[in-house]
Amino acid sequence: GMAELLARSDAALRRYFKSATENPVVVVGPLSVDLVSRTVE
């Protein structure tokens, strides 16, 4: 099912980015970068 594959894809990305940075959200002072959702604040 596509829903299962998408869920597994999101999980794989979260594991990958957490492994690379110890946190999928990198916060640097006032800057926040969510490496999974690709949002920047």
Full PDB file with SEQRES, HELIX, SHEET, SSBOND, CRYST1, ORIGX, SCALE, CONECT and MASTER records, all heavy atoms in Angstrom:
SEQRES   1 A   41  GLY MET ALA GLU LEU LEU ALA ARG SER ASP ALA ALA LEU          
SEQRES   2 A   41  ARG ARG TYR PHE LYS SER ALA THR GLU ASN PRO VAL VAL          
SEQRES   3 A   41  VAL VAL GLY PRO LEU SER VAL ASP LEU VAL SER ARG THR          
SEQRES   4 A   41  VAL GLU                                                      
HELIX    1 AA1 MET A    2  THR A   21  1                                  20    
SHEET    1 AA1 3 VAL A  25  VAL A  28  0                                        
SHEET    2 AA1 3 LEU A  31  ASP A  34 -1                                        
SHEET    3 AA1 3 THR A  39  VAL A  40 -1                                        
CRYST1    1.000    1.000    1.000  90.00  90.00  90.00 P 1           1          
ORIGX1      1.000000  0.000000  0.000000        0.00000                         
ORIGX2      0.000000  1.000000  0.000000        0.00000                         
ORIGX3      0.000000  0.000000  1.000000        0.00000                         
SCALE1      1.000000  0.000000  0.000000        0.00000                         
SCALE2      0.000000  1.000000  0.000000        0.00000                         
SCALE3      0.000000  0.000000  1.000000        0.00000                         
ATOM      1  N   GLY A   1       0.837  -1.200   0.000  1.00  0.00           N  
ATOM      2  CA  GLY A   1       0.000   0.000   0.000  1.00  0.00           C  
ATOM      3  C   GLY A   1       0.867   1.243   0.000  1.00  0.00           C  
ATOM      4  O   GLY A   1       1.923   1.279   0.642  1.00  0.00           O  
ATOM      5  N   MET A   2       0.437   2.270  -0.718  1.00  0.00           N  
ATOM      6  CA  MET A   2       1.216   3.502  -0.797  1.00  0.00           C  
ATOM      7  C   MET A   2       1.349   4.177   0.567  1.00  0.00           C  
ATOM      8  O   MET A   2       2.385   4.743   0.893  1.00  0.00           O  
ATOM      9  CB  MET A   2       0.572   4.471  -1.795  1.00  0.00           C  
ATOM     10  CG  MET A   2       1.485   5.604  -2.230  1.00  0.00           C  
ATOM     11  SD  MET A   2       2.919   5.000  -3.161  1.00  0.00           S  
ATOM     12  CE  MET A   2       4.157   6.218  -2.711  1.00  0.00           C  
ATOM     13  N   ALA A   3       0.301   4.080   1.371  1.00  0.00           N  
ATOM     14  CA  ALA A   3       0.351   4.707   2.695  1.00  0.00           C  
ATOM     15  C   ALA A   3       1.461   4.095   3.537  1.00  0.00           C  
ATOM     16  O   ALA A   3       2.181   4.796   4.255  1.00  0.00           O  
ATOM     17  CB  ALA A   3      -0.992   4.566   3.402  1.00  0.00           C  
ATOM     18  N   GLU A   4       1.614   2.779   3.452  1.00  0.00           N  
ATOM     19  CA  GLU A   4       2.678   2.113   4.208  1.00  0.00           C  
ATOM     20  C   GLU A   4       4.053   2.537   3.711  1.00  0.00           C  
ATOM     21  O   GLU A   4       4.954   2.830   4.516  1.00  0.00           O  
ATOM     22  CB  GLU A   4       2.546   0.597   4.089  1.00  0.00           C  
ATOM     23  CG  GLU A   4       3.678  -0.161   4.793  1.00  0.00           C  
ATOM     24  CD  GLU A   4       3.703  -1.647   4.494  1.00  0.00           C  
ATOM     25  OE1 GLU A   4       2.829  -2.122   3.749  1.00  0.00           O  
ATOM     26  OE2 GLU A   4       4.605  -2.334   5.019  1.00  0.00           O  
ATOM     27  N   LEU A   5       4.226   2.584   2.386  1.00  0.00           N  
ATOM     28  CA  LEU A   5       5.520   2.969   1.834  1.00  0.00           C  
ATOM     29  C   LEU A   5       5.873   4.400   2.209  1.00  0.00           C  
ATOM     30  O   LEU A   5       7.026   4.694   2.547  1.00  0.00           O  
ATOM     31  CB  LEU A   5       5.512   2.809   0.316  1.00  0.00           C  
ATOM     32  CG  LEU A   5       6.824   3.171  -0.391  1.00  0.00           C  
ATOM     33  CD1 LEU A   5       7.986   2.330   0.135  1.00  0.00           C  
ATOM     34  CD2 LEU A   5       6.680   3.007  -1.903  1.00  0.00           C  
ATOM     35  N   LEU A   6       4.901   5.302   2.180  1.00  0.00           N  
ATOM     36  CA  LEU A   6       5.163   6.693   2.559  1.00  0.00           C  
ATOM     37  C   LEU A   6       5.546   6.794   4.032  1.00  0.00           C  
ATOM     38  O   LEU A   6       6.446   7.554   4.398  1.00  0.00           O  
ATOM     39  CB  LEU A   6       3.933   7.553   2.262  1.00  0.00           C  
ATOM     40  CG  LEU A   6       3.634   7.801   0.786  1.00  0.00           C  
ATOM     41  CD1 LEU A   6       2.266   8.450   0.611  1.00  0.00           C  
ATOM     42  CD2 LEU A   6       4.725   8.670   0.154  1.00  0.00           C  
ATOM     43  N   ALA A   7       4.860   6.027   4.880  1.00  0.00           N  
ATOM     44  CA  ALA A   7       5.190   6.043   6.309  1.00  0.00           C  
ATOM     45  C   ALA A   7       6.604   5.525   6.530  1.00  0.00           C  
ATOM     46  O   ALA A   7       7.370   6.081   7.336  1.00  0.00           O  
ATOM     47  CB  ALA A   7       4.189   5.208   7.087  1.00  0.00           C  
ATOM     48  N   ARG A   8       6.965   4.459   5.834  1.00  0.00           N  
ATOM     49  CA  ARG A   8       8.318   3.910   5.955  1.00  0.00           C  
ATOM     50  C   ARG A   8       9.357   4.894   5.397  1.00  0.00           C  
ATOM     51  O   ARG A   8      10.473   4.997   5.916  1.00  0.00           O  
ATOM     52  CB  ARG A   8       8.399   2.570   5.237  1.00  0.00           C  
ATOM     53  CG  ARG A   8       7.633   1.455   5.930  1.00  0.00           C  
ATOM     54  CD  ARG A   8       7.713   0.146   5.147  1.00  0.00           C  
ATOM     55  NE  ARG A   8       6.985  -0.935   5.793  1.00  0.00           N  
ATOM     56  CZ  ARG A   8       7.499  -1.739   6.714  1.00  0.00           C  
ATOM     57  NH1 ARG A   8       8.754  -1.578   7.108  1.00  0.00           N  
ATOM     58  NH2 ARG A   8       6.783  -2.706   7.253  1.00  0.00           N  
ATOM     59  N   SER A   9       8.998   5.628   4.356  1.00  0.00           N  
ATOM     60  CA  SER A   9       9.901   6.619   3.779  1.00  0.00           C  
ATOM     61  C   SER A   9      10.159   7.759   4.767  1.00  0.00           C  
ATOM     62  O   SER A   9      11.299   8.177   4.969  1.00  0.00           O  
ATOM     63  CB  SER A   9       9.309   7.174   2.476  1.00  0.00           C  
ATOM     64  OG  SER A   9       9.170   6.161   1.511  1.00  0.00           O  
ATOM     65  N   ASP A  10       9.101   8.255   5.382  1.00  0.00           N  
ATOM     66  CA  ASP A  10       9.261   9.317   6.385  1.00  0.00           C  
ATOM     67  C   ASP A  10      10.115   8.832   7.548  1.00  0.00           C  
ATOM     68  O   ASP A  10      10.976   9.574   8.057  1.00  0.00           O  
ATOM     69  CB  ASP A  10       7.891   9.772   6.897  1.00  0.00           C  
ATOM     70  CG  ASP A  10       7.136  10.621   5.886  1.00  0.00           C  
ATOM     71  OD1 ASP A  10       7.771  11.138   4.956  1.00  0.00           O  
ATOM     72  OD2 ASP A  10       5.904  10.751   6.032  1.00  0.00           O  
ATOM     73  N   ALA A  11       9.906   7.593   7.981  1.00  0.00           N  
ATOM     74  CA  ALA A  11      10.677   7.043   9.092  1.00  0.00           C  
ATOM     75  C   ALA A  11      12.152   6.909   8.712  1.00  0.00           C  
ATOM     76  O   ALA A  11      13.043   7.208   9.516  1.00  0.00           O  
ATOM     77  CB  ALA A  11      10.113   5.690   9.508  1.00  0.00           C  
ATOM     78  N   ALA A  12      12.421   6.466   7.483  1.00  0.00           N  
ATOM     79  CA  ALA A  12      13.809   6.325   7.035  1.00  0.00           C  
ATOM     80  C   ALA A  12      14.507   7.676   6.986  1.00  0.00           C  
ATOM     81  O   ALA A  12      15.673   7.797   7.369  1.00  0.00           O  
ATOM     82  CB  ALA A  12      13.847   5.659   5.659  1.00  0.00           C  
ATOM     83  N   LEU A  13      13.799   8.702   6.531  1.00  0.00           N  
ATOM     84  CA  LEU A  13      14.383  10.043   6.487  1.00  0.00           C  
ATOM     85  C   LEU A  13      14.652  10.577   7.887  1.00  0.00           C  
ATOM     86  O   LEU A  13      15.692  11.181   8.141  1.00  0.00           O  
ATOM     87  CB  LEU A  13      13.457  10.997   5.725  1.00  0.00           C  
ATOM     88  CG  LEU A  13      13.436  10.822   4.204  1.00  0.00           C  
ATOM     89  CD1 LEU A  13      12.288  11.622   3.600  1.00  0.00           C  
ATOM     90  CD2 LEU A  13      14.762  11.247   3.597  1.00  0.00           C  
ATOM     91  N   ARG A  14      13.721  10.333   8.802  1.00  0.00           N  
ATOM     92  CA  ARG A  14      13.944  10.796  10.177  1.00  0.00           C  
ATOM     93  C   ARG A  14      15.157  10.114  10.788  1.00  0.00           C  
ATOM     94  O   ARG A  14      15.977  10.759  11.446  1.00  0.00           O  
ATOM     95  CB  ARG A  14      12.701  10.524  11.041  1.00  0.00           C  
ATOM     96  CG  ARG A  14      11.553  11.482  10.800  1.00  0.00           C  
ATOM     97  CD  ARG A  14      10.514  11.383  11.909  1.00  0.00           C  
ATOM     98  NE  ARG A  14       9.926  10.054  11.989  1.00  0.00           N  
ATOM     99  CZ  ARG A  14       8.843   9.683  11.317  1.00  0.00           C  
ATOM    100  NH1 ARG A  14       8.245  10.525  10.511  1.00  0.00           N  
ATOM    101  NH2 ARG A  14       8.360   8.467  11.443  1.00  0.00           N  
ATOM    102  N   ARG A  15      15.294   8.804  10.578  1.00  0.00           N  
ATOM    103  CA  ARG A  15      16.450   8.091  11.123  1.00  0.00           C  
ATOM    104  C   ARG A  15      17.749   8.610  10.510  1.00  0.00           C  
ATOM    105  O   ARG A  15      18.753   8.779  11.198  1.00  0.00           O  
ATOM    106  CB  ARG A  15      16.315   6.591  10.858  1.00  0.00           C  
ATOM    107  CG  ARG A  15      15.259   5.905  11.682  1.00  0.00           C  
ATOM    108  CD  ARG A  15      15.421   4.389  11.616  1.00  0.00           C  
ATOM    109  NE  ARG A  15      15.306   3.882  10.261  1.00  0.00           N  
ATOM    110  CZ  ARG A  15      14.167   3.477   9.719  1.00  0.00           C  
ATOM    111  NH1 ARG A  15      13.036   3.558  10.406  1.00  0.00           N  
ATOM    112  NH2 ARG A  15      14.156   2.997   8.487  1.00  0.00           N  
ATOM    113  N   TYR A  16      17.710   8.835   9.215  1.00  0.00           N  
ATOM    114  CA  TYR A  16      18.909   9.293   8.515  1.00  0.00           C  
ATOM    115  C   TYR A  16      19.365  10.654   9.021  1.00  0.00           C  
ATOM    116  O   TYR A  16      20.535  10.848   9.351  1.00  0.00           O  
ATOM    117  CB  TYR A  16      18.636   9.360   7.017  1.00  0.00           C  
ATOM    118  CG  TYR A  16      19.743  10.000   6.225  1.00  0.00           C  
ATOM    119  CD1 TYR A  16      20.994   9.398   6.121  1.00  0.00           C  
ATOM    120  CD2 TYR A  16      19.540  11.211   5.581  1.00  0.00           C  
ATOM    121  CE1 TYR A  16      22.014   9.978   5.390  1.00  0.00           C  
ATOM    122  CE2 TYR A  16      20.557  11.794   4.848  1.00  0.00           C  
ATOM    123  CZ  TYR A  16      21.781  11.183   4.753  1.00  0.00           C  
ATOM    124  OH  TYR A  16      22.788  11.757   4.039  1.00  0.00           O  
ATOM    125  N   PHE A  17      18.441  11.600   9.098  1.00  0.00           N  
ATOM    126  CA  PHE A  17      18.819  12.937   9.525  1.00  0.00           C  
ATOM    127  C   PHE A  17      19.191  12.974  11.002  1.00  0.00           C  
ATOM    128  O   PHE A  17      20.078  13.714  11.414  1.00  0.00           O  
ATOM    129  CB  PHE A  17      17.698  13.931   9.223  1.00  0.00           C  
ATOM    130  CG  PHE A  17      17.529  14.218   7.763  1.00  0.00           C  
ATOM    131  CD1 PHE A  17      16.288  14.123   7.160  1.00  0.00           C  
ATOM    132  CD2 PHE A  17      18.619  14.552   6.979  1.00  0.00           C  
ATOM    133  CE1 PHE A  17      16.131  14.372   5.816  1.00  0.00           C  
ATOM    134  CE2 PHE A  17      18.471  14.804   5.629  1.00  0.00           C  
ATOM    135  CZ  PHE A  17      17.225  14.718   5.043  1.00  0.00           C  
ATOM    136  N   LYS A  18      18.512  12.145  11.811  1.00  0.00           N  
ATOM    137  CA  LYS A  18      18.886  12.081  13.224  1.00  0.00           C  
ATOM    138  C   LYS A  18      20.279  11.495  13.378  1.00  0.00           C  
ATOM    139  O   LYS A  18      21.076  11.953  14.196  1.00  0.00           O  
ATOM    140  CB  LYS A  18      17.874  11.242  14.009  1.00  0.00           C  
ATOM    141  CG  LYS A  18      18.155  11.235  15.505  1.00  0.00           C  
ATOM    142  CD  LYS A  18      17.066  10.526  16.278  1.00  0.00           C  
ATOM    143  CE  LYS A  18      17.350  10.584  17.780  1.00  0.00           C  
ATOM    144  NZ  LYS A  18      16.300   9.893  18.551  1.00  0.00           N  
ATOM    145  N   SER A  19      20.595  10.493  12.571  1.00  0.00           N  
ATOM    146  CA  SER A  19      21.925   9.890  12.603  1.00  0.00           C  
ATOM    147  C   SER A  19      22.986  10.882  12.189  1.00  0.00           C  
ATOM    148  O   SER A  19      24.083  10.922  12.737  1.00  0.00           O  
ATOM    149  CB  SER A  19      21.963   8.669  11.684  1.00  0.00           C  
ATOM    150  OG  SER A  19      23.269   8.158  11.578  1.00  0.00           O  
ATOM    151  N   ALA A  20      22.649  11.712  11.199  1.00  0.00           N  
ATOM    152  CA  ALA A  20      23.631  12.672  10.676  1.00  0.00           C  
ATOM    153  C   ALA A  20      23.844  13.834  11.625  1.00  0.00           C  
ATOM    154  O   ALA A  20      24.934  14.396  11.701  1.00  0.00           O  
ATOM    155  CB  ALA A  20      23.185  13.185   9.313  1.00  0.00           C  
ATOM    156  N   THR A  21      22.815  14.219  12.376  1.00  0.00           N  
ATOM    157  CA  THR A  21      22.919  15.438  13.173  1.00  0.00           C  
ATOM    158  C   THR A  21      22.550  15.242  14.639  1.00  0.00           C  
ATOM    159  O   THR A  21      22.613  16.189  15.409  1.00  0.00           O  
ATOM    160  CB  THR A  21      21.979  16.517  12.602  1.00  0.00           C  
ATOM    161  OG1 THR A  21      20.618  16.078  12.769  1.00  0.00           O  
ATOM    162  CG2 THR A  21      22.258  16.763  11.134  1.00  0.00           C  
ATOM    163  N   GLU A  22      22.141  14.007  15.009  1.00  0.00           N  
ATOM    164  CA  GLU A  22      21.632  13.703  16.344  1.00  0.00           C  
ATOM    165  C   GLU A  22      20.276  14.340  16.593  1.00  0.00           C  
ATOM    166  O   GLU A  22      19.673  14.149  17.621  1.00  0.00           O  
ATOM    167  CB  GLU A  22      22.616  14.174  17.440  1.00  0.00           C  
ATOM    168  CG  GLU A  22      23.934  13.446  17.419  1.00  0.00           C  
ATOM    169  CD  GLU A  22      23.780  11.940  17.532  1.00  0.00           C  
ATOM    170  OE1 GLU A  22      22.913  11.508  18.302  1.00  0.00           O  
ATOM    171  OE2 GLU A  22      24.504  11.217  16.856  1.00  0.00           O  
ATOM    172  N   ASN A  23      19.786  15.137  15.657  1.00  0.00           N  
ATOM    173  CA  ASN A  23      18.472  15.747  15.794  1.00  0.00           C  
ATOM    174  C   ASN A  23      18.015  16.193  14.417  1.00  0.00           C  
ATOM    175  O   ASN A  23      18.745  16.905  13.744  1.00  0.00           O  
ATOM    176  CB  ASN A  23      18.537  16.962  16.726  1.00  0.00           C  
ATOM    177  CG  ASN A  23      17.150  17.458  17.122  1.00  0.00           C  
ATOM    178  OD1 ASN A  23      16.185  17.302  16.367  1.00  0.00           O  
ATOM    179  ND2 ASN A  23      17.048  18.063  18.284  1.00  0.00           N  
ATOM    180  N   PRO A  24      16.823  15.766  13.973  1.00  0.00           N  
ATOM    181  CA  PRO A  24      16.376  16.177  12.650  1.00  0.00           C  
ATOM    182  C   PRO A  24      16.057  17.661  12.555  1.00  0.00           C  
ATOM    183  O   PRO A  24      15.865  18.176  11.461  1.00  0.00           O  
ATOM    184  CB  PRO A  24      15.121  15.322  12.420  1.00  0.00           C  
ATOM    185  CG  PRO A  24      14.641  14.990  13.789  1.00  0.00           C  
ATOM    186  CD  PRO A  24      15.885  14.858  14.626  1.00  0.00           C  
ATOM    187  N   VAL A  25      15.990  18.345  13.697  1.00  0.00           N  
ATOM    188  CA  VAL A  25      15.784  19.789  13.701  1.00  0.00           C  
ATOM    189  C   VAL A  25      17.046  20.447  14.252  1.00  0.00           C  
ATOM    190  O   VAL A  25      17.413  20.238  15.406  1.00  0.00           O  
ATOM    191  CB  VAL A  25      14.560  20.192  14.543  1.00  0.00           C  
ATOM    192  CG1 VAL A  25      14.391  21.706  14.530  1.00  0.00           C  
ATOM    193  CG2 VAL A  25      13.306  19.503  14.040  1.00  0.00           C  
ATOM    194  N   VAL A  26      17.704  21.221  13.408  1.00  0.00           N  
ATOM    195  CA  VAL A  26      18.934  21.904  13.812  1.00  0.00           C  
ATOM    196  C   VAL A  26      18.569  23.332  14.206  1.00  0.00           C  
ATOM    197  O   VAL A  26      18.010  24.086  13.404  1.00  0.00           O  
ATOM    198  CB  VAL A  26      19.959  21.913  12.659  1.00  0.00           C  
ATOM    199  CG1 VAL A  26      21.208  22.686  13.069  1.00  0.00           C  
ATOM    200  CG2 VAL A  26      20.322  20.486  12.269  1.00  0.00           C  
ATOM    201  N   VAL A  27      18.870  23.694  15.444  1.00  0.00           N  
ATOM    202  CA  VAL A  27      18.569  25.034  15.942  1.00  0.00           C  
ATOM    203  C   VAL A  27      19.869  25.765  16.185  1.00  0.00           C  
ATOM    204  O   VAL A  27      20.736  25.305  16.934  1.00  0.00           O  
ATOM    205  CB  VAL A  27      17.738  24.978  17.245  1.00  0.00           C  
ATOM    206  CG1 VAL A  27      17.471  26.389  17.758  1.00  0.00           C  
ATOM    207  CG2 VAL A  27      16.433  24.233  17.005  1.00  0.00           C  
ATOM    208  N   VAL A  28      20.016  26.899  15.525  1.00  0.00           N  
ATOM    209  CA  VAL A  28      21.224  27.711  15.647  1.00  0.00           C  
ATOM    210  C   VAL A  28      20.777  29.129  15.967  1.00  0.00           C  
ATOM    211  O   VAL A  28      20.353  29.873  15.078  1.00  0.00           O  
ATOM    212  CB  VAL A  28      22.046  27.691  14.340  1.00  0.00           C  
ATOM    213  CG1 VAL A  28      23.308  28.516  14.496  1.00  0.00           C  
ATOM    214  CG2 VAL A  28      22.389  26.264  13.942  1.00  0.00           C  
ATOM    215  N   GLY A  29      20.849  29.498  17.239  1.00  0.00           N  
ATOM    216  CA  GLY A  29      20.355  30.812  17.628  1.00  0.00           C  
ATOM    217  C   GLY A  29      18.902  30.970  17.224  1.00  0.00           C  
ATOM    218  O   GLY A  29      18.056  30.118  17.533  1.00  0.00           O  
ATOM    219  N   PRO A  30      18.571  32.017  16.469  1.00  0.00           N  
ATOM    220  CA  PRO A  30      17.177  32.243  16.069  1.00  0.00           C  
ATOM    221  C   PRO A  30      16.762  31.421  14.856  1.00  0.00           C  
ATOM    222  O   PRO A  30      15.612  31.469  14.449  1.00  0.00           O  
ATOM    223  CB  PRO A  30      17.162  33.735  15.728  1.00  0.00           C  
ATOM    224  CG  PRO A  30      18.545  33.984  15.201  1.00  0.00           C  
ATOM    225  CD  PRO A  30      19.460  33.123  16.044  1.00  0.00           C  
ATOM    226  N   LEU A  31      17.700  30.659  14.289  1.00  0.00           N  
ATOM    227  CA  LEU A  31      17.442  29.905  13.067  1.00  0.00           C  
ATOM    228  C   LEU A  31      17.124  28.445  13.385  1.00  0.00           C  
ATOM    229  O   LEU A  31      17.839  27.800  14.151  1.00  0.00           O  
ATOM    230  CB  LEU A  31      18.663  29.976  12.150  1.00  0.00           C  
ATOM    231  CG  LEU A  31      18.556  29.280  10.785  1.00  0.00           C  
ATOM    232  CD1 LEU A  31      17.576  30.037   9.895  1.00  0.00           C  
ATOM    233  CD2 LEU A  31      19.934  29.195  10.131  1.00  0.00           C  
ATOM    234  N   SER A  32      16.060  27.922  12.771  1.00  0.00           N  
ATOM    235  CA  SER A  32      15.669  26.529  12.957  1.00  0.00           C  
ATOM    236  C   SER A  32      15.501  25.880  11.587  1.00  0.00           C  
ATOM    237  O   SER A  32      14.776  26.393  10.732  1.00  0.00           O  
ATOM    238  CB  SER A  32      14.343  26.453  13.735  1.00  0.00           C  
ATOM    239  OG  SER A  32      13.875  25.126  13.808  1.00  0.00           O  
ATOM    240  N   VAL A  33      16.181  24.726  11.398  1.00  0.00           N  
ATOM    241  CA  VAL A  33      16.117  24.008  10.125  1.00  0.00           C  
ATOM    242  C   VAL A  33      15.612  22.594  10.401  1.00  0.00           C  
ATOM    243  O   VAL A  33      16.287  21.809  11.072  1.00  0.00           O  
ATOM    244  CB  VAL A  33      17.497  23.944   9.443  1.00  0.00           C  
ATOM    245  CG1 VAL A  33      17.375  23.284   8.066  1.00  0.00           C  
ATOM    246  CG2 VAL A  33      18.121  25.333   9.325  1.00  0.00           C  
ATOM    247  N   ASP A  34      14.421  22.282   9.895  1.00  0.00           N  
ATOM    248  CA  ASP A  34      13.869  20.936  10.032  1.00  0.00           C  
ATOM    249  C   ASP A  34      14.291  20.144   8.801  1.00  0.00           C  
ATOM    250  O   ASP A  34      13.798  20.381   7.694  1.00  0.00           O  
ATOM    251  CB  ASP A  34      12.342  20.991  10.135  1.00  0.00           C  
ATOM    252  CG  ASP A  34      11.746  19.629  10.497  1.00  0.00           C  
ATOM    253  OD1 ASP A  34      12.230  18.620   9.957  1.00  0.00           O  
ATOM    254  OD2 ASP A  34      10.795  19.583  11.297  1.00  0.00           O  
ATOM    255  N   LEU A  35      15.211  19.190   8.984  1.00  0.00           N  
ATOM    256  CA  LEU A  35      15.790  18.472   7.865  1.00  0.00           C  
ATOM    257  C   LEU A  35      14.846  17.460   7.247  1.00  0.00           C  
ATOM    258  O   LEU A  35      15.062  17.019   6.116  1.00  0.00           O  
ATOM    259  CB  LEU A  35      17.077  17.766   8.314  1.00  0.00           C  
ATOM    260  CG  LEU A  35      18.173  18.690   8.843  1.00  0.00           C  
ATOM    261  CD1 LEU A  35      19.317  17.871   9.417  1.00  0.00           C  
ATOM    262  CD2 LEU A  35      18.678  19.622   7.745  1.00  0.00           C  
ATOM    263  N   VAL A  36      13.812  17.065   7.967  1.00  0.00           N  
ATOM    264  CA  VAL A  36      12.850  16.114   7.427  1.00  0.00           C  
ATOM    265  C   VAL A  36      11.759  16.831   6.637  1.00  0.00           C  
ATOM    266  O   VAL A  36      11.481  16.513   5.484  1.00  0.00           O  
ATOM    267  CB  VAL A  36      12.228  15.252   8.539  1.00  0.00           C  
ATOM    268  CG1 VAL A  36      11.100  14.397   7.991  1.00  0.00           C  
ATOM    269  CG2 VAL A  36      13.293  14.376   9.174  1.00  0.00           C  
ATOM    270  N   SER A  37      11.124  17.837   7.256  1.00  0.00           N  
ATOM    271  CA  SER A  37      10.049  18.557   6.567  1.00  0.00           C  
ATOM    272  C   SER A  37      10.583  19.641   5.634  1.00  0.00           C  
ATOM    273  O   SER A  37       9.839  20.202   4.843  1.00  0.00           O  
ATOM    274  CB  SER A  37       9.112  19.202   7.595  1.00  0.00           C  
ATOM    275  OG  SER A  37       9.758  20.269   8.275  1.00  0.00           O  
ATOM    276  N   ARG A  38      11.883  19.940   5.748  1.00  0.00           N  
ATOM    277  CA  ARG A  38      12.538  20.957   4.917  1.00  0.00           C  
ATOM    278  C   ARG A  38      11.933  22.341   5.134  1.00  0.00           C  
ATOM    279  O   ARG A  38      11.794  23.127   4.211  1.00  0.00           O  
ATOM    280  CB  ARG A  38      12.480  20.572   3.445  1.00  0.00           C  
ATOM    281  CG  ARG A  38      13.314  19.349   3.116  1.00  0.00           C  
ATOM    282  CD  ARG A  38      13.630  19.246   1.648  1.00  0.00           C  
ATOM    283  NE  ARG A  38      14.740  18.341   1.437  1.00  0.00           N  
ATOM    284  CZ  ARG A  38      15.569  18.381   0.395  1.00  0.00           C  
ATOM    285  NH1 ARG A  38      15.418  19.311  -0.521  1.00  0.00           N  
ATOM    286  NH2 ARG A  38      16.547  17.520   0.276  1.00  0.00           N  
ATOM    287  N   THR A  39      11.592  22.639   6.362  1.00  0.00           N  
ATOM    288  CA  THR A  39      11.110  23.970   6.699  1.00  0.00           C  
ATOM    289  C   THR A  39      12.199  24.728   7.442  1.00  0.00           C  
ATOM    290  O   THR A  39      12.985  24.137   8.188  1.00  0.00           O  
ATOM    291  CB  THR A  39       9.849  23.903   7.570  1.00  0.00           C  
ATOM    292  OG1 THR A  39      10.118  23.106   8.739  1.00  0.00           O  
ATOM    293  CG2 THR A  39       8.695  23.288   6.801  1.00  0.00           C  
ATOM    294  N   VAL A  40      12.231  26.028   7.219  1.00  0.00           N  
ATOM    295  CA  VAL A  40      13.235  26.886   7.845  1.00  0.00           C  
ATOM    296  C   VAL A  40      12.513  28.033   8.525  1.00  0.00           C  
ATOM    297  O   VAL A  40      11.639  28.678   7.919  1.00  0.00           O  
ATOM    298  CB  VAL A  40      14.234  27.432   6.803  1.00  0.00           C  
ATOM    299  CG1 VAL A  40      15.270  28.324   7.478  1.00  0.00           C  
ATOM    300  CG2 VAL A  40      14.916  26.286   6.066  1.00  0.00           C  
ATOM    301  N   GLU A  41      12.856  28.292   9.785  1.00  0.00           N  
ATOM    302  CA  GLU A  41      12.243  29.385  10.523  1.00  0.00           C  
ATOM    303  C   GLU A  41      13.320  30.288  11.097  1.00  0.00           C  
ATOM    304  O   GLU A  41      14.381  29.819  11.524  1.00  0.00           O  
ATOM    305  CB  GLU A  41      11.364  28.857  11.663  1.00  0.00           C  
ATOM    306  CG  GLU A  41      10.151  28.081  11.186  1.00  0.00           C  
ATOM    307  CD  GLU A  41       9.260  27.634  12.332  1.00  0.00           C  
ATOM    308  OE1 GLU A  41       9.673  27.811  13.506  1.00  0.00           O  
ATOM    309  OE2 GLU A  41       8.162  27.120  12.073  1.00  0.00           O  
TER     310      GLU A  41                                                      
MASTER        0    0    0    1    3    0    0    6  309    1    0    4          
END                                                                             
